[in-house]
Amino acid sequence: MKSQAEGVEPSRRHHERAFKARLIELSMQPGASVSAIAMANGINANLLFKWRRDRQRELTSLHTTPAVLLPVRLASAGEDSGVNAISPLATIAPAPAKPARTGVIELEIAGAQLRLHGAVDEASLCSVLRALRQSS
């Protein structure tokens, strides 16, 4: 460590964009050694790997189009929607009901014991757990 009399510690090196771009391009060539390219240019191989990863993320974000949310209106079976096409939703059969699960759920929370038998309604269980958490 340098003393105050010797001067201030040097800050991080900043590399020119053209330098980074050239090394990234060289390292992407088939058969290129990232470590050898980094060493030959006086930088750490991990830094060149980081530059490559950052560049790949930039390219990915440029080619990714954001999702677009569209408004949806569901019409009942007898309602005239003004569209002559058949809705794809109308052709989908309802999913068969899941068989009731059997078993026992036992919980001990904040000194309270909760034992549930048979099928459990998820919304009711969440309400009970929320109430127990608030009472503790």
C-alpha atoms as a PDB file:
ATOM      1  CA  MET A   1       0.000   0.000   0.000  1.00  0.00           C
ATOM      2  CA  LYS A   2       1.303   3.454  -0.806  1.00  0.00           C
ATOM      3  CA  SER A   3       1.615   6.085   1.837  1.00  0.00           C
ATOM      4  CA  GLN A   4      -0.064   9.452   1.467  1.00  0.00           C
ATOM      5  CA  ALA A   5       3.323  11.016   0.632  1.00  0.00           C
ATOM      6  CA  GLU A   6       3.744   8.743  -2.394  1.00  0.00           C
ATOM      7  CA  GLY A   7       0.392   9.695  -3.912  1.00  0.00           C
ATOM      8  CA  VAL A   8      -3.064   8.309  -4.404  1.00  0.00           C
ATOM      9  CA  GLU A   9      -3.755   4.699  -5.366  1.00  0.00           C
ATOM     10  CA  PRO A  10      -4.460   4.397  -9.102  1.00  0.00           C
ATOM     11  CA  SER A  11      -8.131   3.962  -9.967  1.00  0.00           C
ATOM     12  CA  ARG A  12      -9.513   1.307 -12.279  1.00  0.00           C
ATOM     13  CA  ARG A  13      -8.314   1.290 -15.835  1.00  0.00           C
ATOM     14  CA  HIS A  14     -10.798   2.352 -18.467  1.00  0.00           C
ATOM     15  CA  HIS A  15     -10.462   0.714 -21.849  1.00  0.00           C
ATOM     16  CA  GLU A  16     -11.533   2.293 -25.113  1.00  0.00           C
ATOM     17  CA  ARG A  17     -14.658   0.892 -26.769  1.00  0.00           C
ATOM     18  CA  ALA A  18     -12.719   0.114 -29.932  1.00  0.00           C
ATOM     19  CA  PHE A  19     -10.170  -1.892 -27.896  1.00  0.00           C
ATOM     20  CA  LYS A  20     -12.952  -3.885 -26.215  1.00  0.00           C
ATOM     21  CA  ALA A  21     -14.767  -4.461 -29.501  1.00  0.00           C
ATOM     22  CA  ARG A  22     -11.576  -5.659 -31.219  1.00  0.00           C
ATOM     23  CA  LEU A  23     -10.763  -8.128 -28.427  1.00  0.00           C
ATOM     24  CA  ILE A  24     -14.342  -9.405 -28.297  1.00  0.00           C
ATOM     25  CA  GLU A  25     -14.298  -9.932 -32.057  1.00  0.00           C
ATOM     26  CA  LEU A  26     -10.955 -11.752 -31.884  1.00  0.00           C
ATOM     27  CA  SER A  27     -12.161 -13.965 -29.030  1.00  0.00           C
ATOM     28  CA  MET A  28     -15.301 -14.974 -30.931  1.00  0.00           C
ATOM     29  CA  GLN A  29     -13.342 -16.442 -33.837  1.00  0.00           C
ATOM     30  CA  PRO A  30     -13.426 -20.255 -34.099  1.00  0.00           C
ATOM     31  CA  GLY A  31     -10.535 -21.803 -32.200  1.00  0.00           C
ATOM     32  CA  ALA A  32      -9.588 -18.535 -30.488  1.00  0.00           C
ATOM     33  CA  SER A  33      -8.227 -18.725 -26.932  1.00  0.00           C
ATOM     34  CA  VAL A  34      -9.764 -16.068 -24.712  1.00  0.00           C
ATOM     35  CA  SER A  35      -6.943 -16.477 -22.200  1.00  0.00           C
ATOM     36  CA  ALA A  36      -4.228 -16.060 -24.838  1.00  0.00           C
ATOM     37  CA  ILE A  37      -5.912 -12.990 -26.369  1.00  0.00           C
ATOM     38  CA  ALA A  38      -6.354 -11.419 -22.930  1.00  0.00           C
ATOM     39  CA  MET A  39      -2.746 -12.112 -21.914  1.00  0.00           C
ATOM     40  CA  ALA A  40      -1.371 -10.769 -25.196  1.00  0.00           C
ATOM     41  CA  ASN A  41      -3.283  -7.527 -24.648  1.00  0.00           C
ATOM     42  CA  GLY A  42      -2.427  -7.071 -20.981  1.00  0.00           C
ATOM     43  CA  ILE A  43      -5.824  -7.755 -19.425  1.00  0.00           C
ATOM     44  CA  ASN A  44      -7.232 -10.480 -17.203  1.00  0.00           C
ATOM     45  CA  ALA A  45      -9.072 -13.272 -19.032  1.00  0.00           C
ATOM     46  CA  ASN A  46     -12.046 -12.884 -16.665  1.00  0.00           C
ATOM     47  CA  LEU A  47     -12.435  -9.292 -17.831  1.00  0.00           C
ATOM     48  CA  LEU A  48     -12.586 -10.395 -21.465  1.00  0.00           C
ATOM     49  CA  PHE A  49     -15.132 -13.078 -20.568  1.00  0.00           C
ATOM     50  CA  LYS A  50     -17.212 -10.357 -18.857  1.00  0.00           C
ATOM     51  CA  TRP A  51     -17.010  -8.120 -21.926  1.00  0.00           C
ATOM     52  CA  ARG A  52     -18.145 -11.030 -24.114  1.00  0.00           C
ATOM     53  CA  ARG A  53     -21.059 -11.811 -21.769  1.00  0.00           C
ATOM     54  CA  ASP A  54     -22.109  -8.130 -21.665  1.00  0.00           C
ATOM     55  CA  ARG A  55     -21.958  -7.941 -25.462  1.00  0.00           C
ATOM     56  CA  GLN A  56     -24.068 -11.083 -25.794  1.00  0.00           C
ATOM     57  CA  ARG A  57     -26.674  -9.573 -23.446  1.00  0.00           C
ATOM     58  CA  GLU A  58     -26.731  -6.381 -25.525  1.00  0.00           C
ATOM     59  CA  LEU A  59     -27.311  -8.362 -28.709  1.00  0.00           C
ATOM     60  CA  THR A  60     -30.020 -10.452 -27.074  1.00  0.00           C
ATOM     61  CA  SER A  61     -31.860  -7.403 -25.748  1.00  0.00           C
ATOM     62  CA  LEU A  62     -31.715  -5.730 -29.182  1.00  0.00           C
ATOM     63  CA  HIS A  63     -33.393  -8.713 -30.855  1.00  0.00           C
ATOM     64  CA  THR A  64     -35.996  -9.336 -28.183  1.00  0.00           C
ATOM     65  CA  THR A  65     -39.302  -7.625 -28.749  1.00  0.00           C
ATOM     66  CA  PRO A  66     -41.216  -6.846 -25.590  1.00  0.00           C
ATOM     67  CA  ALA A  67     -44.465  -8.685 -24.992  1.00  0.00           C
ATOM     68  CA  VAL A  68     -47.542  -6.798 -26.059  1.00  0.00           C
ATOM     69  CA  LEU A  69     -50.680  -7.205 -23.982  1.00  0.00           C
ATOM     70  CA  LEU A  70     -53.900  -7.074 -25.955  1.00  0.00           C
ATOM     71  CA  PRO A  71     -57.341  -6.418 -24.545  1.00  0.00           C
ATOM     72  CA  VAL A  72     -59.547  -9.505 -24.426  1.00  0.00           C
ATOM     73  CA  ARG A  73     -63.314  -9.677 -24.189  1.00  0.00           C
ATOM     74  CA  LEU A  74     -65.046 -13.001 -23.559  1.00  0.00           C
ATOM     75  CA  ALA A  75     -68.496 -13.359 -25.022  1.00  0.00           C
ATOM     76  CA  SER A  76     -71.097 -15.745 -23.697  1.00  0.00           C
ATOM     77  CA  ALA A  77     -72.336 -18.516 -26.013  1.00  0.00           C
ATOM     78  CA  GLY A  78     -75.536 -16.695 -27.045  1.00  0.00           C
ATOM     79  CA  GLU A  79     -74.051 -13.215 -27.322  1.00  0.00           C
ATOM     80  CA  ASP A  80     -73.437 -11.749 -30.780  1.00  0.00           C
ATOM     81  CA  SER A  81     -69.879 -10.466 -30.790  1.00  0.00           C
ATOM     82  CA  GLY A  82     -70.138  -9.002 -34.287  1.00  0.00           C
ATOM     83  CA  VAL A  83     -67.428 -11.386 -35.458  1.00  0.00           C
ATOM     84  CA  ASN A  84     -68.301 -14.166 -37.900  1.00  0.00           C
ATOM     85  CA  ALA A  85     -65.484 -16.453 -36.776  1.00  0.00           C
ATOM     86  CA  ILE A  86     -65.934 -19.119 -34.132  1.00  0.00           C
ATOM     87  CA  SER A  87     -64.041 -18.360 -30.948  1.00  0.00           C
ATOM     88  CA  PRO A  88     -61.290 -20.887 -30.247  1.00  0.00           C
ATOM     89  CA  LEU A  89     -62.383 -20.805 -26.613  1.00  0.00           C
ATOM     90  CA  ALA A  90     -65.763 -22.234 -27.581  1.00  0.00           C
ATOM     91  CA  THR A  91     -64.196 -25.463 -28.838  1.00  0.00           C
ATOM     92  CA  ILE A  92     -62.248 -26.222 -25.659  1.00  0.00           C
ATOM     93  CA  ALA A  93     -63.975 -28.692 -23.378  1.00  0.00           C
ATOM     94  CA  PRO A  94     -63.853 -27.971 -19.658  1.00  0.00           C
ATOM     95  CA  ALA A  95     -61.152 -29.837 -17.771  1.00  0.00           C
ATOM     96  CA  PRO A  96     -62.401 -32.848 -15.846  1.00  0.00           C
ATOM     97  CA  ALA A  97     -62.741 -32.284 -12.129  1.00  0.00           C
ATOM     98  CA  LYS A  98     -59.709 -33.404 -10.152  1.00  0.00           C
ATOM     99  CA  PRO A  99     -60.395 -36.240  -7.751  1.00  0.00           C
ATOM    100  CA  ALA A 100     -60.514 -35.198  -4.114  1.00  0.00           C
ATOM    101  CA  ARG A 101     -57.247 -35.759  -2.321  1.00  0.00           C
ATOM    102  CA  THR A 102     -57.266 -37.749   0.844  1.00  0.00           C
ATOM    103  CA  GLY A 103     -54.824 -37.471   3.679  1.00  0.00           C
ATOM    104  CA  VAL A 104     -54.023 -35.351   6.687  1.00  0.00           C
ATOM    105  CA  ILE A 105     -52.147 -32.056   6.964  1.00  0.00           C
ATOM    106  CA  GLU A 106     -50.861 -31.251  10.438  1.00  0.00           C
ATOM    107  CA  LEU A 107     -49.267 -27.886  11.253  1.00  0.00           C
ATOM    108  CA  GLU A 108     -48.016 -26.366  14.453  1.00  0.00           C
ATOM    109  CA  ILE A 109     -47.582 -22.614  14.215  1.00  0.00           C
ATOM    110  CA  ALA A 110     -47.030 -20.214  17.102  1.00  0.00           C
ATOM    111  CA  GLY A 111     -48.270 -22.764  19.622  1.00  0.00           C
ATOM    112  CA  ALA A 112     -51.475 -23.483  17.675  1.00  0.00           C
ATOM    113  CA  GLN A 113     -52.139 -26.871  16.143  1.00  0.00           C
ATOM    114  CA  LEU A 114     -54.015 -27.207  12.886  1.00  0.00           C
ATOM    115  CA  ARG A 115     -55.097 -30.608  11.558  1.00  0.00           C
ATOM    116  CA  LEU A 116     -56.863 -30.870   8.191  1.00  0.00           C
ATOM    117  CA  HIS A 117     -58.416 -34.107   6.913  1.00  0.00           C
ATOM    118  CA  GLY A 118     -59.410 -34.922   3.332  1.00  0.00           C
ATOM    119  CA  ALA A 119     -59.593 -32.378   0.504  1.00  0.00           C
ATOM    120  CA  VAL A 120     -58.289 -28.934   1.423  1.00  0.00           C
ATOM    121  CA  ASP A 121     -59.523 -25.723  -0.145  1.00  0.00           C
ATOM    122  CA  GLU A 122     -56.392 -23.714  -0.894  1.00  0.00           C
ATOM    123  CA  ALA A 123     -58.030 -20.312  -0.385  1.00  0.00           C
ATOM    124  CA  SER A 124     -59.416 -21.326   3.023  1.00  0.00           C
ATOM    125  CA  LEU A 125     -56.063 -22.738   4.119  1.00  0.00           C
ATOM    126  CA  CYS A 126     -54.324 -19.493   3.110  1.00  0.00           C
ATOM    127  CA  SER A 127     -56.845 -17.484   5.147  1.00  0.00           C
ATOM    128  CA  VAL A 128     -56.283 -19.649   8.225  1.00  0.00           C
ATOM    129  CA  LEU A 129     -52.490 -19.472   7.901  1.00  0.00           C
ATOM    130  CA  ARG A 130     -52.619 -15.692   7.440  1.00  0.00           C
ATOM    131  CA  ALA A 131     -54.755 -15.350  10.596  1.00  0.00           C
ATOM    132  CA  LEU A 132     -52.359 -17.557  12.581  1.00  0.00           C
ATOM    133  CA  ARG A 133     -49.356 -15.557  11.377  1.00  0.00           C
ATOM    134  CA  GLN A 134     -51.000 -12.266  12.396  1.00  0.00           C
ATOM    135  CA  SER A 135     -51.889 -13.585  15.853  1.00  0.00           C
ATOM    136  CA  SER A 136     -48.306 -14.606  16.657  1.00  0.00           C
END
